Amino acid sequence: MVFLLLSGLTTQSGIYMSSSFYEIVMLPNGEVVLQRSDEKGEPLIRINFSEEAQYYLREGSMDVAKAMIDAGIDAVELLGNERPAEEEDLEQRVLH
């Protein structure tokens, strides 16, 4: 299963710079990746579910991975509007 995403870069002055197609792909080993569809190279994101998680997710692992990537993209957009974090702030962050 492949999902295509279109992403573009807009500068602070509102100029649209470029666009790329990204695809979410499930690899034969069960890993879900976000990669550029027009380029070779390392995926931008890799998601691996444990065997136990795969058991509970069954056929829904691709949907869960897509939701995780969507949430990450939303978070990046929100963070883009905040001030840059200081190096000290990054060291003390703990996510649960």
Protein backbone atom coordinates (compact mmCIF):
# COMPACT_ATOMS: atom_id res chain seq x y z
CA MET A 1 0.00 0.00 0.00
CA VAL A 2 1.35 3.41 -0.97
CA PHE A 3 0.07 6.85 0.03
CA LEU A 4 1.30 9.92 -1.82
CA LEU A 5 1.81 13.26 -0.11
CA LEU A 6 2.56 16.59 -1.77
CA SER A 7 4.69 19.01 0.15
CA GLY A 8 5.94 22.43 -0.71
CA LEU A 9 8.17 24.98 0.92
CA THR A 10 6.91 28.51 1.48
CA THR A 11 9.38 31.17 2.55
CA GLN A 12 8.62 33.79 5.19
CA SER A 13 7.83 36.24 2.41
CA GLY A 14 5.18 33.83 1.11
CA ILE A 15 7.08 32.67 -1.98
CA TYR A 16 6.43 29.06 -2.90
CA MET A 17 9.85 27.48 -3.47
CA SER A 18 9.41 23.87 -4.55
CA SER A 19 7.27 20.82 -4.21
CA SER A 20 8.02 17.15 -3.85
CA PHE A 21 6.03 13.98 -3.81
CA TYR A 22 6.48 11.70 -0.84
CA GLU A 23 5.19 8.20 -0.43
CA ILE A 24 4.44 6.07 2.60
CA VAL A 25 5.46 2.52 1.81
CA MET A 26 5.39 -0.75 3.72
CA LEU A 27 8.59 -2.64 2.97
CA PRO A 28 8.70 -6.45 2.75
CA ASN A 29 10.18 -6.63 6.27
CA GLY A 30 7.10 -4.84 7.71
CA GLU A 31 8.85 -1.51 8.19
CA VAL A 32 6.83 1.55 7.15
CA VAL A 33 8.82 4.41 5.61
CA LEU A 34 8.22 7.92 4.33
CA GLN A 35 10.42 8.54 1.31
CA ARG A 36 10.68 10.87 -1.64
CA SER A 37 8.99 9.23 -4.59
CA ASP A 38 11.28 10.82 -7.17
CA GLU A 39 14.64 10.11 -5.54
CA LYS A 40 16.64 7.20 -4.27
CA GLY A 41 18.23 7.31 -0.86
CA GLU A 42 17.45 6.98 2.79
CA PRO A 43 13.82 7.33 3.90
CA LEU A 44 12.95 10.47 5.82
CA ILE A 45 11.05 8.48 8.47
CA ARG A 46 11.12 4.81 9.49
CA ILE A 47 8.48 3.16 11.67
CA ASN A 48 8.97 -0.34 13.08
CA PHE A 49 6.29 -2.10 15.10
CA SER A 50 7.26 -4.86 17.50
CA GLU A 51 5.84 -8.33 16.94
CA GLU A 52 3.42 -7.75 19.81
CA ALA A 53 2.22 -4.45 18.32
CA GLN A 54 1.82 -6.10 14.90
CA TYR A 55 -0.31 -8.81 16.53
CA TYR A 56 -2.69 -6.22 17.98
CA LEU A 57 -2.71 -3.97 14.93
CA ARG A 58 -3.16 -6.81 12.43
CA GLU A 59 -3.92 -5.20 9.07
CA GLY A 60 -4.17 -1.72 10.60
CA SER A 61 -0.44 -1.10 10.96
CA MET A 62 -0.28 0.97 7.77
CA ASP A 63 -3.18 3.15 8.95
CA VAL A 64 -1.52 3.67 12.34
CA ALA A 65 1.82 4.52 10.71
CA LYS A 66 0.10 7.02 8.39
CA ALA A 67 -1.63 8.64 11.40
CA MET A 68 1.73 8.84 13.21
CA ILE A 69 3.36 10.53 10.21
CA ASP A 70 0.40 12.93 9.81
CA ALA A 71 0.65 13.87 13.50
CA GLY A 72 4.40 14.43 13.13
CA ILE A 73 3.87 16.72 10.13
CA ASP A 74 1.25 18.69 12.07
CA ALA A 75 3.65 19.02 15.02
CA VAL A 76 6.44 20.27 12.76
CA GLU A 77 4.13 22.90 11.30
CA LEU A 78 3.19 24.09 14.81
CA LEU A 79 6.80 24.09 15.96
CA GLY A 80 7.76 26.10 12.89
CA ASN A 81 5.81 29.01 14.35
CA GLU A 82 7.64 28.92 17.69
CA ARG A 83 11.01 30.36 18.58
CA PRO A 84 14.00 28.10 17.95
CA ALA A 85 14.82 25.98 20.99
CA GLU A 86 18.01 26.66 22.86
CA GLU A 87 20.47 23.78 23.07
CA GLU A 88 19.86 23.53 26.82
CA ASP A 89 16.11 23.19 26.28
CA LEU A 90 16.62 20.25 23.91
CA GLU A 91 18.77 18.36 26.39
CA GLN A 92 16.07 18.50 29.07
CA ARG A 93 13.13 17.36 26.90
CA VAL A 94 11.56 14.02 27.80
CA LEU A 95 8.70 12.57 25.75
CA HIS A 96 6.37 9.96 27.17
